[in-house]
Amino acid sequence: MLSHVTIGIRNLDRAFAFYAHVLAPLNYVLKFHEPAQNWAGWKLPDADRPLFIITVPIDGGAPSAGNGTMTAFLAKDRATVDAVHGAALAAGGQDEGTPGLRPQYHETYYGAYFRDLDGNKLCVACHEAA
């Protein structure tokens, strides 16, 4: 369904360290890291796409997190949701919703929410029963 998701960052080195830590529990692998181009991208090990890309905005403007805009990563199980949320906080992210069931979405939705170092809102969610 998706080719890639790209989010804006201020500093590649800082954001790269954050996302390398956060994406590890999801088993994402690095597809590219090009400091001269100010971007990096990850993928699942067995597929070329979709990609998750971080980049300093090409237009030179400041990155901004939209109101109501969020990227959600799919986790295989609830333990992975917990691990990703913990990794995000340990790497300096801000909590936006601790791991737990969110029955308002559906009865087995288990998710957690956080913001990265540039204020981008992210989610990690599992849709499977425990």
C-alpha atoms as a PDB file:
ATOM      1  CA  MET A   1       0.000   0.000   0.000  1.00  0.00           C
ATOM      2  CA  LEU A   2       2.765   2.480   0.876  1.00  0.00           C
ATOM      3  CA  SER A   3       6.015   3.223  -0.915  1.00  0.00           C
ATOM      4  CA  HIS A   4       7.562   5.195   1.928  1.00  0.00           C
ATOM      5  CA  VAL A   5       6.941   7.525   4.839  1.00  0.00           C
ATOM      6  CA  THR A   6       9.239  10.513   5.257  1.00  0.00           C
ATOM      7  CA  ILE A   7       9.506  12.766   8.280  1.00  0.00           C
ATOM      8  CA  GLY A   8      11.485  15.946   8.695  1.00  0.00           C
ATOM      9  CA  ILE A   9      14.282  16.272  11.211  1.00  0.00           C
ATOM     10  CA  ARG A  10      16.668  19.046  12.293  1.00  0.00           C
ATOM     11  CA  ASN A  11      19.886  17.092  12.737  1.00  0.00           C
ATOM     12  CA  LEU A  12      20.671  13.819  10.985  1.00  0.00           C
ATOM     13  CA  ASP A  13      23.224  12.510  13.487  1.00  0.00           C
ATOM     14  CA  ARG A  14      20.905  13.092  16.449  1.00  0.00           C
ATOM     15  CA  ALA A  15      17.815  11.712  14.705  1.00  0.00           C
ATOM     16  CA  PHE A  16      19.736   8.740  13.294  1.00  0.00           C
ATOM     17  CA  ALA A  17      20.844   7.688  16.773  1.00  0.00           C
ATOM     18  CA  PHE A  18      17.251   8.013  18.053  1.00  0.00           C
ATOM     19  CA  TYR A  19      15.678   5.976  15.248  1.00  0.00           C
ATOM     20  CA  ALA A  20      18.387   3.314  15.203  1.00  0.00           C
ATOM     21  CA  HIS A  21      17.477   2.674  18.845  1.00  0.00           C
ATOM     22  CA  VAL A  22      13.697   2.860  18.328  1.00  0.00           C
ATOM     23  CA  LEU A  23      13.491   0.724  15.178  1.00  0.00           C
ATOM     24  CA  ALA A  24      15.690  -2.109  16.497  1.00  0.00           C
ATOM     25  CA  PRO A  25      12.858  -3.871  18.425  1.00  0.00           C
ATOM     26  CA  LEU A  26      10.814  -3.848  15.201  1.00  0.00           C
ATOM     27  CA  ASN A  27      13.699  -5.597  13.396  1.00  0.00           C
ATOM     28  CA  TYR A  28      13.918  -2.849  10.767  1.00  0.00           C
ATOM     29  CA  VAL A  29      17.222  -2.840   8.896  1.00  0.00           C
ATOM     30  CA  LEU A  30      19.080   0.139   7.530  1.00  0.00           C
ATOM     31  CA  LYS A  31      18.656   0.510   3.775  1.00  0.00           C
ATOM     32  CA  PHE A  32      20.728   3.687   3.453  1.00  0.00           C
ATOM     33  CA  HIS A  33      22.435   6.344   5.529  1.00  0.00           C
ATOM     34  CA  GLU A  34      23.780   9.216   3.469  1.00  0.00           C
ATOM     35  CA  PRO A  35      25.067  12.053   5.660  1.00  0.00           C
ATOM     36  CA  ALA A  36      26.044  14.134   2.613  1.00  0.00           C
ATOM     37  CA  GLN A  37      22.384  14.010   1.522  1.00  0.00           C
ATOM     38  CA  ASN A  38      21.092  14.499   5.104  1.00  0.00           C
ATOM     39  CA  TRP A  39      18.905  11.404   5.073  1.00  0.00           C
ATOM     40  CA  ALA A  40      18.592   7.778   6.135  1.00  0.00           C
ATOM     41  CA  GLY A  41      16.035   5.037   5.537  1.00  0.00           C
ATOM     42  CA  TRP A  42      15.016   1.717   7.076  1.00  0.00           C
ATOM     43  CA  LYS A  43      12.954  -1.238   5.841  1.00  0.00           C
ATOM     44  CA  LEU A  44      11.844  -4.692   6.859  1.00  0.00           C
ATOM     45  CA  PRO A  45      14.542  -7.298   6.224  1.00  0.00           C
ATOM     46  CA  ASP A  46      12.529  -9.261   3.666  1.00  0.00           C
ATOM     47  CA  ALA A  47      11.109  -6.418   1.550  1.00  0.00           C
ATOM     48  CA  ASP A  48      12.405  -3.406  -0.356  1.00  0.00           C
ATOM     49  CA  ARG A  49       9.378  -1.299   0.608  1.00  0.00           C
ATOM     50  CA  PRO A  50       7.823   0.406   2.404  1.00  0.00           C
ATOM     51  CA  LEU A  51      10.651   2.593   3.623  1.00  0.00           C
ATOM     52  CA  PHE A  52      10.737   4.787   6.683  1.00  0.00           C
ATOM     53  CA  ILE A  53      12.886   7.824   5.881  1.00  0.00           C
ATOM     54  CA  ILE A  54      14.216  10.668   8.002  1.00  0.00           C
ATOM     55  CA  THR A  55      15.556  13.773   6.282  1.00  0.00           C
ATOM     56  CA  VAL A  56      16.471  17.381   6.790  1.00  0.00           C
ATOM     57  CA  PRO A  57      13.888  19.242   4.625  1.00  0.00           C
ATOM     58  CA  ILE A  58      15.196  19.730   1.099  1.00  0.00           C
ATOM     59  CA  ASP A  59      13.903  23.306   0.962  1.00  0.00           C
ATOM     60  CA  GLY A  60      16.141  24.278   3.876  1.00  0.00           C
ATOM     61  CA  GLY A  61      13.164  25.223   6.032  1.00  0.00           C
ATOM     62  CA  ALA A  62      12.545  24.015   9.532  1.00  0.00           C
ATOM     63  CA  PRO A  63      10.854  20.629   9.943  1.00  0.00           C
ATOM     64  CA  SER A  64       7.427  20.726  11.523  1.00  0.00           C
ATOM     65  CA  ALA A  65       5.123  18.140  13.014  1.00  0.00           C
ATOM     66  CA  GLY A  66       1.561  18.533  11.780  1.00  0.00           C
ATOM     67  CA  ASN A  67      -1.404  18.580  14.139  1.00  0.00           C
ATOM     68  CA  GLY A  68      -3.176  15.267  13.617  1.00  0.00           C
ATOM     69  CA  THR A  69      -0.257  13.835  11.641  1.00  0.00           C
ATOM     70  CA  MET A  70       1.241  10.599  12.929  1.00  0.00           C
ATOM     71  CA  THR A  71       3.247   7.666  11.637  1.00  0.00           C
ATOM     72  CA  ALA A  72       2.342   4.272  13.107  1.00  0.00           C
ATOM     73  CA  PHE A  73       4.624   1.240  13.054  1.00  0.00           C
ATOM     74  CA  LEU A  74       3.072  -2.232  13.068  1.00  0.00           C
ATOM     75  CA  ALA A  75       4.362  -4.534  15.815  1.00  0.00           C
ATOM     76  CA  LYS A  76       4.068  -8.319  15.735  1.00  0.00           C
ATOM     77  CA  ASP A  77       3.034  -8.541  19.387  1.00  0.00           C
ATOM     78  CA  ARG A  78       2.371  -6.526  22.529  1.00  0.00           C
ATOM     79  CA  ALA A  79       5.845  -7.127  23.940  1.00  0.00           C
ATOM     80  CA  THR A  80       7.276  -5.403  20.879  1.00  0.00           C
ATOM     81  CA  VAL A  81       4.983  -2.400  21.468  1.00  0.00           C
ATOM     82  CA  ASP A  82       6.338  -2.196  25.013  1.00  0.00           C
ATOM     83  CA  ALA A  83       9.945  -2.525  23.797  1.00  0.00           C
ATOM     84  CA  VAL A  84       9.629   0.165  21.121  1.00  0.00           C
ATOM     85  CA  HIS A  85       7.965   2.615  23.501  1.00  0.00           C
ATOM     86  CA  GLY A  86      10.671   1.963  26.093  1.00  0.00           C
ATOM     87  CA  ALA A  87      13.396   2.397  23.482  1.00  0.00           C
ATOM     88  CA  ALA A  88      11.894   5.702  22.369  1.00  0.00           C
ATOM     89  CA  LEU A  89      11.827   7.079  25.901  1.00  0.00           C
ATOM     90  CA  ALA A  90      15.329   5.789  26.651  1.00  0.00           C
ATOM     91  CA  ALA A  91      16.587   7.547  23.510  1.00  0.00           C
ATOM     92  CA  GLY A  92      15.124  10.881  24.618  1.00  0.00           C
ATOM     93  CA  GLY A  93      11.629  10.689  23.140  1.00  0.00           C
ATOM     94  CA  GLN A  94       8.581  12.146  24.876  1.00  0.00           C
ATOM     95  CA  ASP A  95       5.742   9.930  26.072  1.00  0.00           C
ATOM     96  CA  GLU A  96       2.390  10.618  24.387  1.00  0.00           C
ATOM     97  CA  GLY A  97       0.540   7.524  25.635  1.00  0.00           C
ATOM     98  CA  THR A  98       1.867   4.526  27.515  1.00  0.00           C
ATOM     99  CA  PRO A  99       1.446   1.026  26.090  1.00  0.00           C
ATOM    100  CA  GLY A 100      -1.993  -0.420  26.578  1.00  0.00           C
ATOM    101  CA  LEU A 101      -5.273  -1.528  25.107  1.00  0.00           C
ATOM    102  CA  ARG A 102      -7.243   1.125  23.238  1.00  0.00           C
ATOM    103  CA  PRO A 103     -10.690  -0.517  22.896  1.00  0.00           C
ATOM    104  CA  GLN A 104     -12.093   2.673  21.384  1.00  0.00           C
ATOM    105  CA  TYR A 105     -10.243   1.641  18.196  1.00  0.00           C
ATOM    106  CA  HIS A 106     -11.042  -2.082  18.395  1.00  0.00           C
ATOM    107  CA  GLU A 107     -11.018  -4.740  21.088  1.00  0.00           C
ATOM    108  CA  THR A 108      -7.479  -6.059  20.474  1.00  0.00           C
ATOM    109  CA  TYR A 109      -5.757  -2.757  19.597  1.00  0.00           C
ATOM    110  CA  TYR A 110      -2.664  -2.425  21.796  1.00  0.00           C
ATOM    111  CA  GLY A 111      -0.635   0.681  21.151  1.00  0.00           C
ATOM    112  CA  ALA A 112       1.767   3.256  22.504  1.00  0.00           C
ATOM    113  CA  TYR A 113       2.510   6.812  21.433  1.00  0.00           C
ATOM    114  CA  PHE A 114       5.600   9.007  21.599  1.00  0.00           C
ATOM    115  CA  ARG A 115       7.280  12.002  19.997  1.00  0.00           C
ATOM    116  CA  ASP A 116      10.752  11.940  18.532  1.00  0.00           C
ATOM    117  CA  LEU A 117      13.451  14.522  19.224  1.00  0.00           C
ATOM    118  CA  ASP A 118      11.950  16.895  16.630  1.00  0.00           C
ATOM    119  CA  GLY A 119       8.361  16.625  17.886  1.00  0.00           C
ATOM    120  CA  ASN A 120       7.064  14.160  15.261  1.00  0.00           C
ATOM    121  CA  LYS A 121       4.286  12.013  16.725  1.00  0.00           C
ATOM    122  CA  LEU A 122       4.721   8.272  16.338  1.00  0.00           C
ATOM    123  CA  CYS A 123       2.786   5.201  17.320  1.00  0.00           C
ATOM    124  CA  VAL A 124       3.582   1.534  17.567  1.00  0.00           C
ATOM    125  CA  ALA A 125       0.581  -0.780  17.480  1.00  0.00           C
ATOM    126  CA  CYS A 126      -0.323  -4.452  17.583  1.00  0.00           C
ATOM    127  CA  HIS A 127      -3.735  -5.557  16.353  1.00  0.00           C
ATOM    128  CA  GLU A 128      -3.498  -9.145  17.567  1.00  0.00           C
ATOM    129  CA  ALA A 129      -4.984 -10.687  20.699  1.00  0.00           C
ATOM    130  CA  ALA A 130      -2.542 -11.291  23.550  1.00  0.00           C
END
